[in-house]
C-alpha atoms as a PDB file:
ATOM      1  CA  UNK A   1     152.966  65.075  65.884  1.00  0.00           C
ATOM      2  CA  UNK A   2     153.347  69.104  65.621  1.00  0.00           C
ATOM      3  CA  UNK A   3     150.474  70.866  66.514  1.00  0.00           C
ATOM      4  CA  UNK A   4     150.058  74.684  65.490  1.00  0.00           C
ATOM      5  CA  UNK A   5     147.272  76.374  67.777  1.00  0.00           C
ATOM      6  CA  UNK A   6     146.305  80.505  66.909  1.00  0.00           C
ATOM      7  CA  UNK A   7     144.755  82.337  69.573  1.00  0.00           C
ATOM      8  CA  UNK A   8     141.805  83.785  68.591  1.00  0.00           C
ATOM      9  CA  UNK A   9     141.217  87.389  70.167  1.00  0.00           C
ATOM     10  CA  UNK A  10     137.767  87.933  68.728  1.00  0.00           C
ATOM     11  CA  UNK A  11     136.044  84.951  70.454  1.00  0.00           C
ATOM     12  CA  UNK A  12     138.993  84.505  72.923  1.00  0.00           C
ATOM     13  CA  UNK A  13     139.652  81.132  73.133  1.00  0.00           C
ATOM     14  CA  UNK A  14     142.302  78.907  71.073  1.00  0.00           C
ATOM     15  CA  UNK A  15     141.870  77.464  68.005  1.00  0.00           C
ATOM     16  CA  UNK A  16     143.438  74.336  66.089  1.00  0.00           C
ATOM     17  CA  UNK A  17     144.913  75.556  62.736  1.00  0.00           C
ATOM     18  CA  UNK A  18     146.724  72.923  61.801  1.00  0.00           C
ATOM     19  CA  UNK A  19     148.946  69.481  62.987  1.00  0.00           C
ATOM     20  CA  UNK A  20     151.683  67.130  61.306  1.00  0.00           C
ATOM     21  CA  UNK A  21     153.265  63.895  61.764  1.00  0.00           C
ATOM     22  CA  UNK A  22     156.593  64.040  62.452  1.00  0.00           C
ATOM     23  CA  UNK A  23     159.675  61.787  63.355  1.00  0.00           C
ATOM     24  CA  UNK A  24     159.402  59.894  66.797  1.00  0.00           C
ATOM     25  CA  UNK A  25     163.295  61.124  67.683  1.00  0.00           C
ATOM     26  CA  UNK A  26     161.599  64.704  68.015  1.00  0.00           C
ATOM     27  CA  UNK A  27     162.816  66.181  71.449  1.00  0.00           C
ATOM     28  CA  UNK A  28     163.192  70.145  71.127  1.00  0.00           C
ATOM     29  CA  UNK A  29     160.785  72.747  69.955  1.00  0.00           C
ATOM     30  CA  UNK A  30     161.117  76.851  69.716  1.00  0.00           C
ATOM     31  CA  UNK A  31     159.267  79.543  67.995  1.00  0.00           C
ATOM     32  CA  UNK A  32     161.292  81.506  65.265  1.00  0.00           C
ATOM     33  CA  UNK A  33     161.020  85.239  64.845  1.00  0.00           C
ATOM     34  CA  UNK A  34     158.672  86.756  62.084  1.00  0.00           C
ATOM     35  CA  UNK A  35     160.708  85.795  59.113  1.00  0.00           C
ATOM     36  CA  UNK A  36     158.500  88.330  56.689  1.00  0.00           C
ATOM     37  CA  UNK A  37     160.343  90.720  58.839  1.00  0.00           C
ATOM     38  CA  UNK A  38     163.927  89.933  57.773  1.00  0.00           C
ATOM     39  CA  UNK A  39     163.092  90.198  53.574  1.00  0.00           C
ATOM     40  CA  UNK A  40     162.191  86.195  53.786  1.00  0.00           C
ATOM     41  CA  UNK A  41     159.239  84.596  51.907  1.00  0.00           C
ATOM     42  CA  UNK A  42     157.422  82.922  54.041  1.00  0.00           C
ATOM     43  CA  UNK A  43     154.852  81.743  51.354  1.00  0.00           C
ATOM     44  CA  UNK A  44     155.606  79.393  48.290  1.00  0.00           C
ATOM     45  CA  UNK A  45     153.810  82.335  46.010  1.00  0.00           C
ATOM     46  CA  UNK A  46     154.361  85.918  47.035  1.00  0.00           C
ATOM     47  CA  UNK A  47     150.414  86.571  46.542  1.00  0.00           C
ATOM     48  CA  UNK A  48     149.614  83.611  48.243  1.00  0.00           C
ATOM     49  CA  UNK A  49     149.015  85.295  51.338  1.00  0.00           C
ATOM     50  CA  UNK A  50     146.475  87.519  49.820  1.00  0.00           C
ATOM     51  CA  UNK A  51     144.460  84.421  49.010  1.00  0.00           C
ATOM     52  CA  UNK A  52     141.676  82.595  51.299  1.00  0.00           C
ATOM     53  CA  UNK A  53     141.863  82.762  54.656  1.00  0.00           C
ATOM     54  CA  UNK A  54     146.063  82.689  55.386  1.00  0.00           C
ATOM     55  CA  UNK A  55     146.951  85.134  57.963  1.00  0.00           C
ATOM     56  CA  UNK A  56     149.228  87.637  57.091  1.00  0.00           C
ATOM     57  CA  UNK A  57     152.001  86.096  59.263  1.00  0.00           C
ATOM     58  CA  UNK A  58     153.151  82.619  58.567  1.00  0.00           C
ATOM     59  CA  UNK A  59     154.582  81.615  61.696  1.00  0.00           C
ATOM     60  CA  UNK A  60     157.347  79.010  61.774  1.00  0.00           C
ATOM     61  CA  UNK A  61     159.128  76.873  64.590  1.00  0.00           C
ATOM     62  CA  UNK A  62     162.464  74.982  64.662  1.00  0.00           C
ATOM     63  CA  UNK A  63     162.241  71.220  66.069  1.00  0.00           C
ATOM     64  CA  UNK A  64     164.915  69.185  66.994  1.00  0.00           C
ATOM     65  CA  UNK A  65     165.407  65.638  66.401  1.00  0.00           C
ATOM     66  CA  UNK A  66     168.669  63.424  66.462  1.00  0.00           C
ATOM     67  CA  UNK A  67     171.462  64.618  64.410  1.00  0.00           C
ATOM     68  CA  UNK A  68     169.338  67.455  62.748  1.00  0.00           C
ATOM     69  CA  UNK A  69     166.772  70.315  63.119  1.00  0.00           C
ATOM     70  CA  UNK A  70     163.858  71.077  60.566  1.00  0.00           C
ATOM     71  CA  UNK A  71     162.419  74.366  60.232  1.00  0.00           C
ATOM     72  CA  UNK A  72     158.562  74.168  59.718  1.00  0.00           C
ATOM     73  CA  UNK A  73     155.584  76.474  59.056  1.00  0.00           C
ATOM     74  CA  UNK A  74     152.227  76.574  60.136  1.00  0.00           C
ATOM     75  CA  UNK A  75     150.775  76.347  56.293  1.00  0.00           C
ATOM     76  CA  UNK A  76     153.218  73.387  55.757  1.00  0.00           C
ATOM     77  CA  UNK A  77     154.923  75.007  52.890  1.00  0.00           C
ATOM     78  CA  UNK A  78     158.448  74.263  54.172  1.00  0.00           C
ATOM     79  CA  UNK A  79     160.187  71.531  55.469  1.00  0.00           C
ATOM     80  CA  UNK A  80     163.767  72.685  55.960  1.00  0.00           C
ATOM     81  CA  UNK A  81     166.129  69.754  57.113  1.00  0.00           C
ATOM     82  CA  UNK A  82     169.584  71.355  58.603  1.00  0.00           C
ATOM     83  CA  UNK A  83     171.962  68.560  59.841  1.00  0.00           C
ATOM     84  CA  UNK A  84     173.488  69.305  63.182  1.00  0.00           C
ATOM     85  CA  UNK A  85     177.475  68.730  62.868  1.00  0.00           C
ATOM     86  CA  UNK A  86     178.732  65.859  64.385  1.00  0.00           C
ATOM     87  CA  UNK A  87     181.790  65.527  66.733  1.00  0.00           C
ATOM     88  CA  UNK A  88     184.799  63.358  65.432  1.00  0.00           C
ATOM     89  CA  UNK A  89     184.703  60.571  67.425  1.00  0.00           C
ATOM     90  CA  UNK A  90     181.467  60.929  68.799  1.00  0.00           C
ATOM     91  CA  UNK A  91     178.842  57.720  67.733  1.00  0.00           C
ATOM     92  CA  UNK A  92     176.128  58.633  70.244  1.00  0.00           C
ATOM     93  CA  UNK A  93     173.051  61.112  68.730  1.00  0.00           C
ATOM     94  CA  UNK A  94     173.438  64.657  69.035  1.00  0.00           C
ATOM     95  CA  UNK A  95     170.757  66.811  70.191  1.00  0.00           C
ATOM     96  CA  UNK A  96     169.775  70.252  70.759  1.00  0.00           C
ATOM     97  CA  UNK A  97     168.983  70.903  74.735  1.00  0.00           C
ATOM     98  CA  UNK A  98     168.739  75.019  74.691  1.00  0.00           C
ATOM     99  CA  UNK A  99     168.993  78.044  72.835  1.00  0.00           C
ATOM    100  CA  UNK A 100     169.024  81.852  72.322  1.00  0.00           C
ATOM    101  CA  UNK A 101     167.875  84.131  69.993  1.00  0.00           C
ATOM    102  CA  UNK A 102     169.541  87.391  68.918  1.00  0.00           C
ATOM    103  CA  UNK A 103     167.844  89.885  66.784  1.00  0.00           C
ATOM    104  CA  UNK A 104     169.699  92.452  64.997  1.00  0.00           C
ATOM    105  CA  UNK A 105     168.198  95.256  63.107  1.00  0.00           C
ATOM    106  CA  UNK A 106     168.515  93.725  59.682  1.00  0.00           C
ATOM    107  CA  UNK A 107     169.083  90.209  60.486  1.00  0.00           C
ATOM    108  CA  UNK A 108     168.927  87.555  63.723  1.00  0.00           C
ATOM    109  CA  UNK A 109     170.387  84.094  64.426  1.00  0.00           C
ATOM    110  CA  UNK A 110     170.189  81.458  66.871  1.00  0.00           C
ATOM    111  CA  UNK A 111     172.618  80.131  69.128  1.00  0.00           C
ATOM    112  CA  UNK A 112     171.969  76.272  69.861  1.00  0.00           C
ATOM    113  CA  UNK A 113     173.778  74.182  72.306  1.00  0.00           C
ATOM    114  CA  UNK A 114     174.216  70.385  72.058  1.00  0.00           C
ATOM    115  CA  UNK A 115     174.219  67.548  74.304  1.00  0.00           C
ATOM    116  CA  UNK A 116     178.054  67.689  74.123  1.00  0.00           C
ATOM    117  CA  UNK A 117     178.195  71.491  75.336  1.00  0.00           C
ATOM    118  CA  UNK A 118     179.013  72.648  71.438  1.00  0.00           C
ATOM    119  CA  UNK A 119     177.284  75.579  70.456  1.00  0.00           C
ATOM    120  CA  UNK A 120     175.835  76.233  66.871  1.00  0.00           C
ATOM    121  CA  UNK A 121     175.076  79.420  65.266  1.00  0.00           C
ATOM    122  CA  UNK A 122     171.772  78.746  63.205  1.00  0.00           C
ATOM    123  CA  UNK A 123     171.399  81.341  60.187  1.00  0.00           C
ATOM    124  CA  UNK A 124     168.187  81.653  58.242  1.00  0.00           C
ATOM    125  CA  UNK A 125     168.702  83.949  55.305  1.00  0.00           C
ATOM    126  CA  UNK A 126     166.371  84.502  52.298  1.00  0.00           C
ATOM    127  CA  UNK A 127     167.535  83.088  49.071  1.00  0.00           C
ATOM    128  CA  UNK A 128     167.880  85.222  46.406  1.00  0.00           C
ATOM    129  CA  UNK A 129     168.015  82.764  43.664  1.00  0.00           C
ATOM    130  CA  UNK A 130     164.666  81.352  44.900  1.00  0.00           C
ATOM    131  CA  UNK A 131     162.437  84.251  45.311  1.00  0.00           C
ATOM    132  CA  UNK A 132     163.581  85.128  48.985  1.00  0.00           C
ATOM    133  CA  UNK A 133     162.267  81.791  50.051  1.00  0.00           C
ATOM    134  CA  UNK A 134     164.155  80.923  53.270  1.00  0.00           C
ATOM    135  CA  UNK A 135     167.502  78.538  53.192  1.00  0.00           C
ATOM    136  CA  UNK A 136     169.577  77.914  56.217  1.00  0.00           C
ATOM    137  CA  UNK A 137     172.535  76.420  57.648  1.00  0.00           C
ATOM    138  CA  UNK A 138     174.899  75.594  60.823  1.00  0.00           C
ATOM    139  CA  UNK A 139     178.116  76.952  61.800  1.00  0.00           C
ATOM    140  CA  UNK A 140     180.180  75.763  64.709  1.00  0.00           C
ATOM    141  CA  UNK A 141     180.345  78.842  67.249  1.00  0.00           C
ATOM    142  CA  UNK A 142     182.161  77.736  70.731  1.00  0.00           C
ATOM    143  CA  UNK A 143     181.967  75.101  73.347  1.00  0.00           C
ATOM    144  CA  UNK A 144     180.969  75.513  77.076  1.00  0.00           C
ATOM    145  CA  UNK A 145     179.446  73.049  79.899  1.00  0.00           C
ATOM    146  CA  UNK A 146     175.709  72.566  79.039  1.00  0.00           C
ATOM    147  CA  UNK A 147     173.578  74.784  80.127  1.00  0.00           C
ATOM    148  CA  UNK A 148     169.702  74.539  81.040  1.00  0.00           C
ATOM    149  CA  UNK A 149     169.156  78.164  79.288  1.00  0.00           C
ATOM    150  CA  UNK A 150     171.110  80.088  77.221  1.00  0.00           C
ATOM    151  CA  UNK A 151     170.039  84.156  77.375  1.00  0.00           C
ATOM    152  CA  UNK A 152     171.685  86.889  75.303  1.00  0.00           C
ATOM    153  CA  UNK A 153     171.575  90.509  76.820  1.00  0.00           C
ATOM    154  CA  UNK A 154     171.703  93.409  74.525  1.00  0.00           C
ATOM    155  CA  UNK A 155     175.115  95.080  75.773  1.00  0.00           C
ATOM    156  CA  UNK A 156     176.941  91.776  74.644  1.00  0.00           C
ATOM    157  CA  UNK A 157     176.773  89.084  77.166  1.00  0.00           C
ATOM    158  CA  UNK A 158     175.596  85.428  77.343  1.00  0.00           C
ATOM    159  CA  UNK A 159     174.304  83.947  80.545  1.00  0.00           C
ATOM    160  CA  UNK A 160     174.629  80.057  80.775  1.00  0.00           C
ATOM    161  CA  UNK A 161     172.290  78.702  83.398  1.00  0.00           C
ATOM    162  CA  UNK A 162     173.292  75.171  84.330  1.00  0.00           C
ATOM    163  CA  UNK A 163     171.740  72.494  86.338  1.00  0.00           C
ATOM    164  CA  UNK A 164     174.994  70.561  86.801  1.00  0.00           C
ATOM    165  CA  UNK A 165     177.319  73.430  86.688  1.00  0.00           C
ATOM    166  CA  UNK A 166     178.375  76.798  87.708  1.00  0.00           C
ATOM    167  CA  UNK A 167     176.316  79.585  86.114  1.00  0.00           C
ATOM    168  CA  UNK A 168     178.618  81.439  83.838  1.00  0.00           C
ATOM    169  CA  UNK A 169     178.405  84.791  82.237  1.00  0.00           C
ATOM    170  CA  UNK A 170     180.400  85.227  78.778  1.00  0.00           C
ATOM    171  CA  UNK A 171     181.071  88.403  76.985  1.00  0.00           C
ATOM    172  CA  UNK A 172     180.907  88.205  72.644  1.00  0.00           C
ATOM    173  CA  UNK A 173     184.080  88.572  71.333  1.00  0.00           C
ATOM    174  CA  UNK A 174     182.704  88.446  67.924  1.00  0.00           C
ATOM    175  CA  UNK A 175     179.708  86.993  66.250  1.00  0.00           C
ATOM    176  CA  UNK A 176     181.585  84.087  64.565  1.00  0.00           C
ATOM    177  CA  UNK A 177     182.565  83.260  60.961  1.00  0.00           C
ATOM    178  CA  UNK A 178     179.185  81.871  59.825  1.00  0.00           C
ATOM    179  CA  UNK A 179     181.189  79.230  57.538  1.00  0.00           C
ATOM    180  CA  UNK A 180     178.477  76.370  57.362  1.00  0.00           C
ATOM    181  CA  UNK A 181     179.829  72.595  58.988  1.00  0.00           C
ATOM    182  CA  UNK A 182     178.987  69.777  56.936  1.00  0.00           C
ATOM    183  CA  UNK A 183     179.715  66.029  58.341  1.00  0.00           C
ATOM    184  CA  UNK A 184     181.750  65.953  61.207  1.00  0.00           C
ATOM    185  CA  UNK A 185     184.051  68.922  63.396  1.00  0.00           C
ATOM    186  CA  UNK A 186     186.802  69.211  65.860  1.00  0.00           C
ATOM    187  CA  UNK A 187     185.878  71.088  68.577  1.00  0.00           C
ATOM    188  CA  UNK A 188     187.689  74.166  70.125  1.00  0.00           C
ATOM    189  CA  UNK A 189     189.740  73.321  72.850  1.00  0.00           C
ATOM    190  CA  UNK A 190     189.620  77.063  73.936  1.00  0.00           C
ATOM    191  CA  UNK A 191     186.788  79.777  73.639  1.00  0.00           C
ATOM    192  CA  UNK A 192     187.097  81.441  69.659  1.00  0.00           C
ATOM    193  CA  UNK A 193     183.914  83.805  70.066  1.00  0.00           C
ATOM    194  CA  UNK A 194     183.235  84.004  73.347  1.00  0.00           C
ATOM    195  CA  UNK A 195     185.417  85.241  76.598  1.00  0.00           C
ATOM    196  CA  UNK A 196     184.354  84.029  80.324  1.00  0.00           C
ATOM    197  CA  UNK A 197     183.604  86.794  82.679  1.00  0.00           C
ATOM    198  CA  UNK A 198     185.448  86.589  86.072  1.00  0.00           C
END
């Protein structure tokens, strides 16, 4: 189950707000920024947040499964399923092991690393043809050794904290091409959007 809790500051305790049954292969969970700050409609109806006891903010999370990720919200309006690109020649499932969020002035993206070391860029954008409701896609970004944690610094560096390998510091050379990958892909043998800092 995926369970949402809300901190009630007035009563100073945690309240269970919603729970949803999800697939048993779920293995990864992360919170997403407030999508409404990026012109993304977080309710099915633009006037819905004024009705009943809905909070002004409808929080979203990203749940990782075998071979796909799902974007889910507190009120259950959205179940956005995005397949994780599969490496050519790999038959075992692909899962997400760590992430880093980069927030920009009018945009944001999430870097996801798979169990094979591949970095994927997840973009969530407003669908202008569907009342600015969220739409998501994944593009291939780069491949680095598997990390336990990723951290993006404001000055354009990416730190990869690894348990089985040396920790590494990378510099962003670009933010990628934002071309969605569907099906399989061939990982790059050299860094494309990152450079290793000695």
